[in-house]
């Protein structure tokens, strides 16, 4: 007769140095499950043993619920953060179904999963009770250490490249010295030209203090964790929501370009020449930044977001922004002769979103009309055979497809404004919004609708006060009608009504008169009778 099974139990694997759950029953998906902890401590550590026992208890409860499903209305100290995140990824990414709460899928799901993976690497096997203010602040320190580690790894790569260049240079120097020594041995007194090669510039020592700590860097990660907890509450996995303490938001960007700045950058990008690839071969003297000039033009005339500009094309493929163009004729009168004539003009609509793309509530992408002059420029690009105005045309493999313009624009910003500047690609959109708000004739709701942002965002970030508006306010305050306050507010002629002021009570009058005599029993009795009637 075989030995009786011990049932579901905790088990420490000496080889893997981790705690596991053993499930000997036939309905178990696997015979053992790794709990992921125990490697940094002895197997008889009571903390790990108690933790493993708690995991066994929860595993049994989940198994009784069927298919290892999460139990309902659990306390926060019994629900793992990993389970909450797994539920969130399932409901919002892998098995998303349109509902009242989640009308659209998550934007950029790969980035969300990457951020949540970093959150899990910090909290590891902790429960929701570990989401405290202290741990949320410690998560910011954790991200800063990761950033230092990435900077250190990049520095090591640069140091390796420097060492290789220095080694090559040193070989040239040694070969030159050997050649000169051979000449002297032969009795030749020959003067050699200076060595063309120059030593590589040495790197400064790595200093972790040079990595700026950004207090708000952890906000986006913690917002994803907050969304996962909200999803768990929505599906009744936990009893109540856990407060995720978020760091403050970044200060809104205040930098903007002047018209001269944009003209100078556009001119530089339009005439800049460099090396590119044509038919699989490198060619010099190509206009390698004209796509950046077109990017600046489109950003300046539409105020669209970076992603809605760099992917724009002339074909409605349903998956990317596109420009619709057509021609019309209009009648005009000659300024000198007064003769009426017709002229063909271009018209266009800038579709910021493809027909099959999803429009998110926080990233609106409405279609907007284009001025005839702007539409004519787009038509000129299309007639030149350009499919994507902002795509780099001289790629190594000859594919003209939308790409990221961030690196190219950063090079232009550094060239014009120096290495230490706060200019980014989004500054073009900020500039357009700021300049439109400065126009006194344009209503703010129309500007917000054109740019695809909420009116609140436009006023809070972009709408700076205008001098002419302040003058209008001052004129209204100085007018005689403004001081006739009662007639404008109450709609009367300023005559006080009989019940315009509440009469003071007996107690109020007593408090106002500090020298009033002491009350008698009859006075108190009379006051009580009045209060009873009231």
Protein backbone atom coordinates (compact mmCIF):
# COMPACT_ATOMS: atom_id res chain seq x y z
CA UNK A 1 0.00 0.00 0.00
CA UNK A 2 1.43 3.38 -1.05
CA UNK A 3 2.19 6.21 1.28
CA UNK A 4 -0.68 8.60 1.90
CA UNK A 5 -0.32 11.91 0.05
CA UNK A 6 0.43 15.01 2.08
CA UNK A 7 -1.92 17.04 -0.13
CA UNK A 8 -1.29 20.58 -1.20
CA UNK A 9 1.70 21.90 0.73
CA UNK A 10 4.63 24.31 0.66
CA UNK A 11 7.96 22.84 -0.47
CA UNK A 12 11.48 24.31 -0.58
CA UNK A 13 13.59 23.32 -3.58
CA UNK A 14 17.21 23.02 -2.43
CA UNK A 15 18.50 23.14 -6.00
CA UNK A 16 16.55 26.19 -7.14
CA UNK A 17 16.72 27.83 -3.68
CA UNK A 18 13.06 28.84 -3.93
CA UNK A 19 9.80 28.01 -2.24
CA UNK A 20 7.16 26.12 -4.25
CA UNK A 21 3.63 24.86 -3.89
CA UNK A 22 3.16 21.14 -4.49
CA UNK A 23 -0.24 19.95 -5.73
CA UNK A 24 -0.38 16.14 -6.12
CA UNK A 25 -4.02 15.98 -7.22
CA UNK A 26 -4.89 15.07 -10.83
CA UNK A 27 -6.84 18.29 -11.48
CA UNK A 28 -3.76 20.45 -10.85
CA UNK A 29 -2.39 22.26 -13.94
CA UNK A 30 1.16 21.55 -12.72
CA UNK A 31 2.68 19.43 -10.01
CA UNK A 32 4.55 22.34 -8.49
CA UNK A 33 4.43 26.14 -8.65
CA UNK A 34 7.37 28.40 -7.93
CA UNK A 35 6.59 31.23 -5.51
CA UNK A 36 9.64 33.21 -6.60
CA UNK A 37 11.12 33.90 -3.17
CA UNK A 38 13.48 32.27 -0.72
CA UNK A 39 16.70 32.60 -2.68
CA UNK A 40 18.17 35.31 -0.45
CA UNK A 41 17.56 33.50 2.83
CA UNK A 42 17.91 30.11 4.57
CA UNK A 43 15.15 27.51 4.03
CA UNK A 44 14.20 27.57 7.72
CA UNK A 45 13.58 31.33 7.74
CA UNK A 46 10.27 31.71 9.63
CA UNK A 47 9.25 34.72 7.55
CA UNK A 48 9.49 32.73 4.34
CA UNK A 49 7.81 29.70 5.87
CA UNK A 50 4.86 31.75 7.07
CA UNK A 51 4.66 33.49 3.72
CA UNK A 52 4.70 30.16 1.89
CA UNK A 53 1.95 28.84 4.16
CA UNK A 54 -0.17 31.89 3.37
CA UNK A 55 0.38 31.32 -0.34
CA UNK A 56 -0.77 27.71 0.06
CA UNK A 57 -3.94 28.89 1.80
CA UNK A 58 -4.71 31.37 -0.97
CA UNK A 59 -3.96 28.76 -3.61
CA UNK A 60 -6.47 26.38 -2.07
CA UNK A 61 -9.11 29.11 -1.99
CA UNK A 62 -8.49 29.99 -5.62
CA UNK A 63 -8.68 26.38 -6.61
CA UNK A 64 -12.00 26.00 -4.83
CA UNK A 65 -13.24 29.04 -6.78
CA UNK A 66 -12.45 27.17 -10.02
CA UNK A 67 -9.77 27.62 -12.68
CA UNK A 68 -7.53 29.50 -10.26
CA UNK A 69 -9.83 32.53 -10.54
CA UNK A 70 -9.42 35.45 -8.21
CA UNK A 71 -11.74 35.44 -5.24
CA UNK A 72 -14.20 38.26 -4.74
CA UNK A 73 -14.09 41.00 -2.12
CA UNK A 74 -10.76 40.00 -0.62
CA UNK A 75 -8.91 42.17 1.89
CA UNK A 76 -5.97 44.05 0.46
CA UNK A 77 -3.42 42.24 2.58
CA UNK A 78 -4.32 38.94 0.86
CA UNK A 79 -4.25 40.05 -2.79
CA UNK A 80 -0.94 40.07 -4.63
CA UNK A 81 -0.04 43.06 -6.75
CA UNK A 82 1.00 40.60 -9.46
CA UNK A 83 -2.55 39.17 -9.57
CA UNK A 84 -4.07 42.64 -9.83
CA UNK A 85 -1.75 43.58 -12.69
CA UNK A 86 -2.44 40.28 -14.46
CA UNK A 87 -6.18 40.94 -14.21
CA UNK A 88 -5.73 44.46 -15.56
CA UNK A 89 -3.67 43.28 -18.56
CA UNK A 90 -6.26 40.61 -19.30
CA UNK A 91 -9.26 42.95 -19.11
CA UNK A 92 -7.67 45.95 -20.81
CA UNK A 93 -5.24 44.46 -23.33
CA UNK A 94 -5.36 40.74 -24.15
CA UNK A 95 -9.13 40.19 -23.78
CA UNK A 96 -10.51 43.71 -24.00
CA UNK A 97 -14.23 43.99 -24.71
CA UNK A 98 -15.97 47.31 -25.14
CA UNK A 99 -17.98 48.24 -22.06
CA UNK A 100 -19.42 51.27 -20.33
CA UNK A 101 -16.29 51.76 -18.24
CA UNK A 102 -13.75 50.85 -20.95
CA UNK A 103 -15.01 52.21 -24.24
CA UNK A 104 -11.63 52.12 -26.00
CA UNK A 105 -8.60 49.85 -25.67
CA UNK A 106 -5.41 51.05 -24.03
CA UNK A 107 -3.25 53.36 -26.08
CA UNK A 108 0.30 51.99 -26.55
CA UNK A 109 -0.24 48.69 -24.72
CA UNK A 110 3.40 47.62 -25.07
CA UNK A 111 4.54 50.67 -23.11
CA UNK A 112 1.92 49.98 -20.42
CA UNK A 113 3.08 46.39 -20.02
CA UNK A 114 6.70 47.53 -19.86
CA UNK A 115 5.94 50.04 -17.10
CA UNK A 116 3.91 47.51 -15.12
CA UNK A 117 6.77 45.04 -15.44
CA UNK A 118 9.06 47.57 -13.77
CA UNK A 119 6.44 48.12 -11.05
CA UNK A 120 6.40 44.36 -10.40
CA UNK A 121 10.19 44.26 -10.27
CA UNK A 122 10.01 46.72 -7.36
CA UNK A 123 7.09 45.29 -5.39
CA UNK A 124 7.94 41.66 -6.33
CA UNK A 125 5.67 39.30 -4.35
CA UNK A 126 4.08 41.98 -2.16
CA UNK A 127 0.36 42.40 -1.55
CA UNK A 128 -1.71 45.53 -2.04
CA UNK A 129 -1.12 46.50 1.57
CA UNK A 130 2.45 47.36 0.50
CA UNK A 131 1.16 50.25 -1.65
CA UNK A 132 1.91 52.94 0.92
CA UNK A 133 3.20 56.48 0.68
CA UNK A 134 6.65 55.33 1.82
CA UNK A 135 6.87 52.62 -0.83
CA UNK A 136 5.54 54.93 -3.55
CA UNK A 137 8.30 57.41 -2.73
CA UNK A 138 10.82 54.57 -2.58
CA UNK A 139 9.71 53.53 -6.06
CA UNK A 140 10.85 56.93 -7.31
CA UNK A 141 14.29 56.24 -5.80
CA UNK A 142 14.24 52.82 -7.47
CA UNK A 143 13.63 54.40 -10.88
CA UNK A 144 16.45 56.87 -10.27
CA UNK A 145 18.84 54.01 -9.51
CA UNK A 146 17.74 52.27 -12.72
CA UNK A 147 18.45 55.45 -14.65
CA UNK A 148 21.92 55.66 -13.10
CA UNK A 149 22.53 52.02 -14.05
CA UNK A 150 21.51 52.71 -17.66
CA UNK A 151 23.76 55.76 -17.77
CA UNK A 152 26.60 53.67 -16.36
CA UNK A 153 26.07 50.96 -18.99
CA UNK A 154 26.09 53.59 -21.74
CA UNK A 155 29.26 55.10 -20.27
CA UNK A 156 30.93 51.68 -20.29
CA UNK A 157 30.09 51.27 -23.97
CA UNK A 158 31.49 54.70 -24.75
CA UNK A 159 34.61 53.93 -22.71
CA UNK A 160 35.09 50.70 -24.64
CA UNK A 161 34.84 52.57 -27.94
CA UNK A 162 37.30 55.16 -26.63
CA UNK A 163 39.76 52.45 -25.59
CA UNK A 164 39.58 50.83 -29.01
CA UNK A 165 40.19 54.16 -30.76
CA UNK A 166 43.04 54.94 -28.39
CA UNK A 167 44.59 51.55 -29.07
CA UNK A 168 44.42 52.12 -32.83
CA UNK A 169 45.96 55.56 -32.44
CA UNK A 170 48.71 54.23 -30.21
CA UNK A 171 49.59 51.59 -32.81
CA UNK A 172 50.01 54.33 -35.41
CA UNK A 173 52.22 56.33 -33.05
CA UNK A 174 54.37 53.30 -32.24
CA UNK A 175 54.70 52.42 -35.91
CA UNK A 176 55.79 55.98 -36.67
CA UNK A 177 58.39 55.93 -33.90
CA UNK A 178 59.74 52.61 -35.15
CA UNK A 179 59.96 53.96 -38.69
CA UNK A 180 61.88 57.04 -37.52
CA UNK A 181 64.24 54.86 -35.48
CA UNK A 182 64.94 52.69 -38.55
CA UNK A 183 65.74 55.78 -40.58
CA UNK A 184 68.25 56.98 -37.97
CA UNK A 185 69.95 53.59 -37.92
CA UNK A 186 70.44 53.84 -41.68
CA UNK A 187 71.86 57.35 -41.32
CA UNK A 188 68.99 59.11 -42.98
CA UNK A 189 67.92 62.45 -41.57
CA UNK A 190 64.44 62.69 -43.08
CA UNK A 191 61.78 65.05 -41.73
CA UNK A 192 58.37 63.36 -41.71
CA UNK A 193 55.10 65.27 -41.95
CA UNK A 194 53.01 65.39 -38.78
CA UNK A 195 50.76 62.47 -38.08
CA UNK A 196 47.31 63.03 -39.54
CA UNK A 197 45.51 60.98 -36.96
CA UNK A 198 44.58 62.66 -33.71
CA UNK A 199 44.12 61.02 -30.34
CA UNK A 200 40.50 60.48 -29.31
CA UNK A 201 39.03 62.88 -26.80
CA UNK A 202 39.17 61.27 -23.34
CA UNK A 203 35.91 60.82 -21.48
CA UNK A 204 35.37 62.50 -18.13
CA UNK A 205 35.00 60.13 -15.18
CA UNK A 206 31.49 58.83 -14.55
CA UNK A 207 29.72 60.68 -11.76
CA UNK A 208 26.31 59.38 -10.60
CA UNK A 209 25.52 62.81 -9.16
CA UNK A 210 25.39 64.19 -12.70
CA UNK A 211 22.22 62.17 -13.31
CA UNK A 212 19.41 64.52 -12.37
CA UNK A 213 16.78 63.04 -10.12
CA UNK A 214 13.31 63.70 -11.48
CA UNK A 215 10.71 63.52 -8.70
CA UNK A 216 7.84 63.18 -11.19
CA UNK A 217 9.41 60.36 -13.21
CA UNK A 218 7.51 57.68 -11.30
CA UNK A 219 4.09 59.26 -11.83
CA UNK A 220 3.28 57.47 -15.11
CA UNK A 221 4.22 54.08 -13.62
CA UNK A 222 2.13 54.63 -10.51
CA UNK A 223 -0.79 55.84 -12.60
CA UNK A 224 -0.78 52.47 -14.37
CA UNK A 225 -0.78 50.73 -10.98
CA UNK A 226 -3.66 52.97 -9.91
CA UNK A 227 -5.61 51.99 -13.04
CA UNK A 228 -4.99 48.30 -12.28
CA UNK A 229 -6.32 48.72 -8.74
CA UNK A 230 -9.37 50.55 -10.08
CA UNK A 231 -9.99 47.64 -12.44
CA UNK A 232 -9.80 45.20 -9.51
CA UNK A 233 -12.39 47.25 -7.63
CA UNK A 234 -14.60 47.33 -10.71
CA UNK A 235 -14.56 43.54 -10.94
CA UNK A 236 -15.10 43.13 -7.16
CA UNK A 237 -11.77 41.45 -6.54
CA UNK A 238 -10.97 43.66 -3.56
CA UNK A 239 -13.28 45.36 -1.10
CA UNK A 240 -12.06 48.92 -1.52
CA UNK A 241 -9.60 50.92 -3.56
CA UNK A 242 -6.05 51.41 -2.32
CA UNK A 243 -4.68 54.94 -2.46
CA UNK A 244 -1.66 55.25 -4.72
CA UNK A 245 0.34 58.31 -3.69
CA UNK A 246 1.38 60.04 -6.90
CA UNK A 247 4.21 62.56 -7.18
CA UNK A 248 3.35 66.00 -8.58
CA UNK A 249 2.98 66.46 -12.31
CA UNK A 250 5.69 68.02 -14.40
CA UNK A 251 5.45 71.76 -14.73
CA UNK A 252 3.82 72.72 -18.03
CA UNK A 253 6.27 73.68 -20.73
CA UNK A 254 6.66 77.41 -21.16
CA UNK A 255 9.13 77.52 -24.05
CA UNK A 256 7.86 78.66 -27.42
CA UNK A 257 9.45 79.60 -30.73
CA UNK A 258 9.32 82.98 -32.34
CA UNK A 259 8.43 83.33 -36.00
CA UNK A 260 12.07 84.15 -36.77
CA UNK A 261 13.22 81.01 -34.92
CA UNK A 262 10.96 78.81 -37.05
CA UNK A 263 12.06 80.57 -40.26
CA UNK A 264 15.75 80.13 -39.43
CA UNK A 265 15.33 76.47 -38.50
CA UNK A 266 13.27 75.82 -41.63
CA UNK A 267 15.87 77.50 -43.85
CA UNK A 268 18.68 75.52 -42.21
CA UNK A 269 16.87 72.19 -42.64
CA UNK A 270 15.86 72.97 -46.23
CA UNK A 271 19.37 73.75 -47.49
CA UNK A 272 21.35 71.35 -45.27
CA UNK A 273 23.39 68.77 -47.19
CA UNK A 274 24.70 65.45 -45.96
CA UNK A 275 25.22 61.82 -46.92
CA UNK A 276 22.38 59.41 -47.68
CA UNK A 277 21.69 56.16 -49.49
CA UNK A 278 20.52 56.01 -53.10
CA UNK A 279 20.00 52.61 -54.78
CA UNK A 280 21.90 50.94 -51.96
CA UNK A 281 24.98 53.17 -52.31
CA UNK A 282 26.13 56.07 -50.10
CA UNK A 283 25.91 59.44 -51.81
CA UNK A 284 27.15 62.81 -50.54
CA UNK A 285 25.63 66.23 -51.10
CA UNK A 286 22.00 65.20 -50.58
CA UNK A 287 19.37 67.38 -48.92
CA UNK A 288 19.04 65.05 -45.97
CA UNK A 289 16.94 67.35 -43.75
CA UNK A 290 14.26 68.59 -46.06
CA UNK A 291 11.80 66.15 -44.52
CA UNK A 292 12.44 67.96 -41.22
CA UNK A 293 11.71 71.29 -42.92
CA UNK A 294 8.39 69.84 -44.12
CA UNK A 295 7.73 68.57 -40.61
CA UNK A 296 8.22 72.07 -39.20
CA UNK A 297 5.90 73.53 -41.83
CA UNK A 298 3.10 71.00 -41.18
CA UNK A 299 3.46 71.41 -37.41
CA UNK A 300 3.35 75.18 -37.75
CA UNK A 301 0.22 75.34 -39.91
CA UNK A 302 -1.81 72.64 -38.15
CA UNK A 303 -0.57 72.58 -34.54
CA UNK A 304 -0.90 68.80 -34.57
CA UNK A 305 0.86 66.39 -32.25
CA UNK A 306 4.16 64.84 -33.29
CA UNK A 307 2.69 61.42 -34.06
CA UNK A 308 -0.05 62.99 -36.22
CA UNK A 309 2.52 64.88 -38.30
CA UNK A 310 5.37 62.44 -38.87
CA UNK A 311 2.97 59.71 -40.11
CA UNK A 312 0.85 61.87 -42.43
CA UNK A 313 0.56 60.87 -46.09
CA UNK A 314 -1.58 61.43 -49.15
CA UNK A 315 -3.33 58.04 -49.24
CA UNK A 316 -6.34 57.11 -47.14
CA UNK A 317 -5.17 53.71 -45.93
CA UNK A 318 -7.32 53.87 -42.79
CA UNK A 319 -4.34 53.38 -40.47
CA UNK A 320 -2.58 56.76 -40.53
CA UNK A 321 -3.30 60.49 -40.90
CA UNK A 322 -3.72 61.76 -44.45
CA UNK A 323 -4.33 64.95 -46.45
CA UNK A 324 -7.31 65.20 -48.75
CA UNK A 325 -6.86 67.66 -51.66
CA UNK A 326 -9.14 68.92 -54.42
CA UNK A 327 -9.42 71.92 -56.75
CA UNK A 328 -12.22 74.45 -57.18
CA UNK A 329 -12.71 77.57 -59.27
CA UNK A 330 -13.61 80.93 -57.82
CA UNK A 331 -14.54 84.23 -59.43
CA UNK A 332 -12.38 87.28 -58.75
CA UNK A 333 -12.16 90.89 -59.92
CA UNK A 334 -8.88 92.32 -61.17
CA UNK A 335 -7.61 95.13 -58.95
CA UNK A 336 -6.50 97.35 -61.86
CA UNK A 337 -8.79 96.61 -64.80
CA UNK A 338 -11.86 95.66 -62.78
CA UNK A 339 -12.47 92.69 -65.10
CA UNK A 340 -13.94 89.57 -63.52
CA UNK A 341 -11.99 86.35 -64.03
CA UNK A 342 -11.92 82.81 -62.62
CA UNK A 343 -9.02 81.16 -60.87
CA UNK A 344 -8.37 77.57 -59.83
CA UNK A 345 -7.46 77.16 -56.18
CA UNK A 346 -6.54 74.19 -54.03
CA UNK A 347 -8.59 73.14 -51.05
CA UNK A 348 -7.78 70.53 -48.47
CA UNK A 349 -8.64 68.79 -45.24
CA UNK A 350 -6.03 67.52 -42.81
CA UNK A 351 -7.34 64.23 -41.40
CA UNK A 352 -5.39 63.73 -38.20
CA UNK A 353 -6.75 60.22 -37.75
CA UNK A 354 -7.26 57.33 -40.15
CA UNK A 355 -10.73 55.86 -40.53
CA UNK A 356 -9.72 52.67 -38.69
CA UNK A 357 -7.76 54.39 -35.93
CA UNK A 358 -9.23 54.77 -32.47
CA UNK A 359 -9.76 58.26 -31.09
CA UNK A 360 -9.06 58.52 -27.38
CA UNK A 361 -10.80 60.99 -25.12
CA UNK A 362 -7.57 62.60 -23.93
CA UNK A 363 -5.90 62.69 -27.37
CA UNK A 364 -8.50 64.14 -29.72
CA UNK A 365 -7.58 64.17 -33.41
CA UNK A 366 -10.25 66.09 -35.36
CA UNK A 367 -10.03 66.78 -39.08
CA UNK A 368 -9.42 70.45 -39.88
CA UNK A 369 -9.59 72.49 -43.10
CA UNK A 370 -6.48 73.86 -44.75
CA UNK A 371 -6.04 77.33 -46.18
CA UNK A 372 -5.79 77.46 -49.96
CA UNK A 373 -2.13 78.49 -49.85
CA UNK A 374 -1.25 75.66 -47.48
CA UNK A 375 -3.23 73.16 -49.57
CA UNK A 376 -1.30 74.31 -52.67
CA UNK A 377 2.01 73.48 -50.95
CA UNK A 378 0.74 70.01 -50.03
CA UNK A 379 -0.35 69.54 -53.65
CA UNK A 380 3.13 70.54 -54.82
CA UNK A 381 4.68 67.87 -52.60
CA UNK A 382 2.26 65.25 -53.88
CA UNK A 383 2.98 66.13 -57.52
CA UNK A 384 6.71 65.74 -56.76
CA UNK A 385 6.07 62.09 -55.92
CA UNK A 386 6.35 62.42 -52.15
CA UNK A 387 4.21 59.82 -50.35
CA UNK A 388 4.97 60.86 -46.77
CA UNK A 389 6.11 64.49 -46.44
CA UNK A 390 7.92 63.92 -43.13
CA UNK A 391 9.58 60.58 -43.97
CA UNK A 392 13.35 60.35 -44.50
CA UNK A 393 13.82 59.61 -48.22
CA UNK A 394 17.44 58.40 -48.19
CA UNK A 395 17.27 55.34 -45.99
CA UNK A 396 19.76 52.51 -46.30
CA UNK A 397 17.18 50.08 -47.67
CA UNK A 398 15.36 52.58 -49.89
CA UNK A 399 12.03 52.33 -48.09
CA UNK A 400 10.15 55.60 -47.84
CA UNK A 401 8.00 55.10 -44.78
CA UNK A 402 7.13 57.22 -41.72
CA UNK A 403 9.71 57.27 -38.97
CA UNK A 404 10.69 59.13 -35.83
CA UNK A 405 11.91 62.70 -36.42
CA UNK A 406 12.97 63.19 -32.80
CA UNK A 407 16.70 62.70 -33.28
CA UNK A 408 16.88 64.94 -36.34
CA UNK A 409 14.94 67.74 -34.68
CA UNK A 410 17.10 67.43 -31.56
CA UNK A 411 20.20 68.03 -33.70
CA UNK A 412 18.60 71.19 -35.11
CA UNK A 413 17.57 72.43 -31.66
CA UNK A 414 21.08 71.90 -30.30
CA UNK A 415 22.58 73.68 -33.32
CA UNK A 416 20.43 76.80 -32.87
CA UNK A 417 19.91 76.99 -29.11
CA UNK A 418 22.96 75.18 -27.70
CA UNK A 419 23.19 71.90 -25.85
CA UNK A 420 21.33 73.09 -22.77
CA UNK A 421 17.88 73.98 -24.12
CA UNK A 422 14.33 73.01 -23.29
CA UNK A 423 13.09 72.92 -26.88
CA UNK A 424 11.30 69.73 -27.92
CA UNK A 425 9.17 68.72 -30.87
CA UNK A 426 6.01 69.46 -28.88
CA UNK A 427 7.16 73.09 -28.66
CA UNK A 428 5.78 73.62 -32.18
CA UNK A 429 2.29 72.70 -31.00
CA UNK A 430 2.76 74.86 -27.92
CA UNK A 431 3.85 77.77 -30.13
CA UNK A 432 0.83 77.48 -32.41
CA UNK A 433 -1.56 77.30 -29.45
CA UNK A 434 0.06 80.29 -27.75
CA UNK A 435 0.02 82.43 -30.90
CA UNK A 436 -3.60 81.56 -31.67
CA UNK A 437 -4.63 82.49 -28.14
CA UNK A 438 -2.82 85.81 -28.53
CA UNK A 439 -5.12 86.70 -31.43
CA UNK A 440 -7.86 88.80 -29.91
CA UNK A 441 -10.44 87.99 -32.61
CA UNK A 442 -10.38 84.18 -32.24
CA UNK A 443 -12.69 82.63 -29.63
CA UNK A 444 -11.06 80.12 -27.32
CA UNK A 445 -13.60 77.31 -28.00
CA UNK A 446 -12.80 77.47 -31.72
CA UNK A 447 -9.05 77.33 -31.03
CA UNK A 448 -9.49 74.33 -28.72
CA UNK A 449 -11.61 72.53 -31.31
CA UNK A 450 -9.06 73.18 -34.07
CA UNK A 451 -6.12 71.91 -31.99
CA UNK A 452 -7.99 68.90 -30.62
CA UNK A 453 -7.73 69.73 -26.93
CA UNK A 454 -10.15 70.59 -24.17
CA UNK A 455 -11.04 74.19 -23.47
CA UNK A 456 -9.80 73.75 -19.90
CA UNK A 457 -6.35 72.65 -21.12
CA UNK A 458 -6.15 75.52 -23.58
CA UNK A 459 -6.95 78.13 -20.94
CA UNK A 460 -4.83 76.56 -18.19
CA UNK A 461 -1.65 76.05 -20.23
CA UNK A 462 -1.69 78.13 -23.39
CA UNK A 463 -4.03 81.09 -22.92
CA UNK A 464 -1.87 83.88 -21.56
CA UNK A 465 -3.61 87.15 -20.79
CA UNK A 466 -3.57 89.72 -23.57
CA UNK A 467 -2.92 93.44 -23.12
CA UNK A 468 -5.95 94.38 -25.18
CA UNK A 469 -8.13 92.18 -22.99
CA UNK A 470 -6.82 93.89 -19.87
CA UNK A 471 -7.61 97.25 -21.41
CA UNK A 472 -11.17 96.09 -22.13
CA UNK A 473 -11.58 94.97 -18.52
CA UNK A 474 -10.23 98.29 -17.25
CA UNK A 475 -12.65 100.18 -19.51
CA UNK A 476 -15.62 98.20 -18.19
CA UNK A 477 -14.60 98.79 -14.58
CA UNK A 478 -14.23 102.51 -15.24
CA UNK A 479 -17.67 102.83 -16.84
CA UNK A 480 -20.61 104.26 -14.91
CA UNK A 481 -22.83 101.24 -15.61
CA UNK A 482 -20.39 98.92 -13.82
CA UNK A 483 -20.83 100.76 -10.50
CA UNK A 484 -24.62 100.46 -10.66
CA UNK A 485 -24.19 97.06 -9.10
CA UNK A 486 -27.67 96.53 -7.63
CA UNK A 487 -29.46 97.33 -10.85
CA UNK A 488 -27.35 94.82 -12.79
CA UNK A 489 -27.42 91.99 -10.26
CA UNK A 490 -30.94 92.10 -8.82
CA UNK A 491 -32.61 93.59 -11.87
CA UNK A 492 -34.13 96.47 -9.82
CA UNK A 493 -33.39 100.17 -9.75
CA UNK A 494 -31.36 99.91 -6.59
CA UNK A 495 -34.27 100.47 -4.17
CA UNK A 496 -33.90 98.37 -1.04
CA UNK A 497 -36.89 96.16 -0.31
CA UNK A 498 -38.53 95.93 3.09
CA UNK A 499 -37.18 92.46 3.82
CA UNK A 500 -33.79 93.21 2.39
CA UNK A 501 -32.10 92.52 5.74
CA UNK A 502 -32.95 89.95 8.37
CA UNK A 503 -33.93 91.43 11.71
CA UNK A 504 -31.65 90.70 14.59
CA UNK A 505 -32.85 88.23 17.18
CA UNK A 506 -33.14 88.75 20.89
CA UNK A 507 -29.86 86.96 21.43
CA UNK A 508 -28.10 89.13 18.84
CA UNK A 509 -29.31 92.29 20.48
CA UNK A 510 -28.21 91.01 23.85
CA UNK A 511 -24.71 90.29 22.56
CA UNK A 512 -24.48 93.71 20.96
CA UNK A 513 -25.47 95.50 24.20
CA UNK A 514 -22.88 94.42 26.77
CA UNK A 515 -24.44 96.61 29.51
CA UNK A 516 -27.90 94.97 29.36
CA UNK A 517 -29.37 94.02 32.82
CA UNK A 518 -29.55 90.43 33.96
CA UNK A 519 -32.49 88.41 32.67
CA UNK A 520 -35.37 87.59 34.97
CA UNK A 521 -37.21 84.29 35.16
CA UNK A 522 -40.10 85.89 33.30
CA UNK A 523 -37.82 86.93 30.43
CA UNK A 524 -36.43 83.40 30.14
CA UNK A 525 -39.93 81.97 30.22
CA UNK A 526 -41.02 84.34 27.46
CA UNK A 527 -38.01 83.41 25.29
CA UNK A 528 -38.68 79.69 25.75
CA UNK A 529 -42.30 80.14 24.72
CA UNK A 530 -41.16 81.94 21.55
CA UNK A 531 -38.69 79.21 20.69
CA UNK A 532 -41.40 76.65 21.15
CA UNK A 533 -43.62 78.42 18.66
CA UNK A 534 -40.77 78.58 16.16
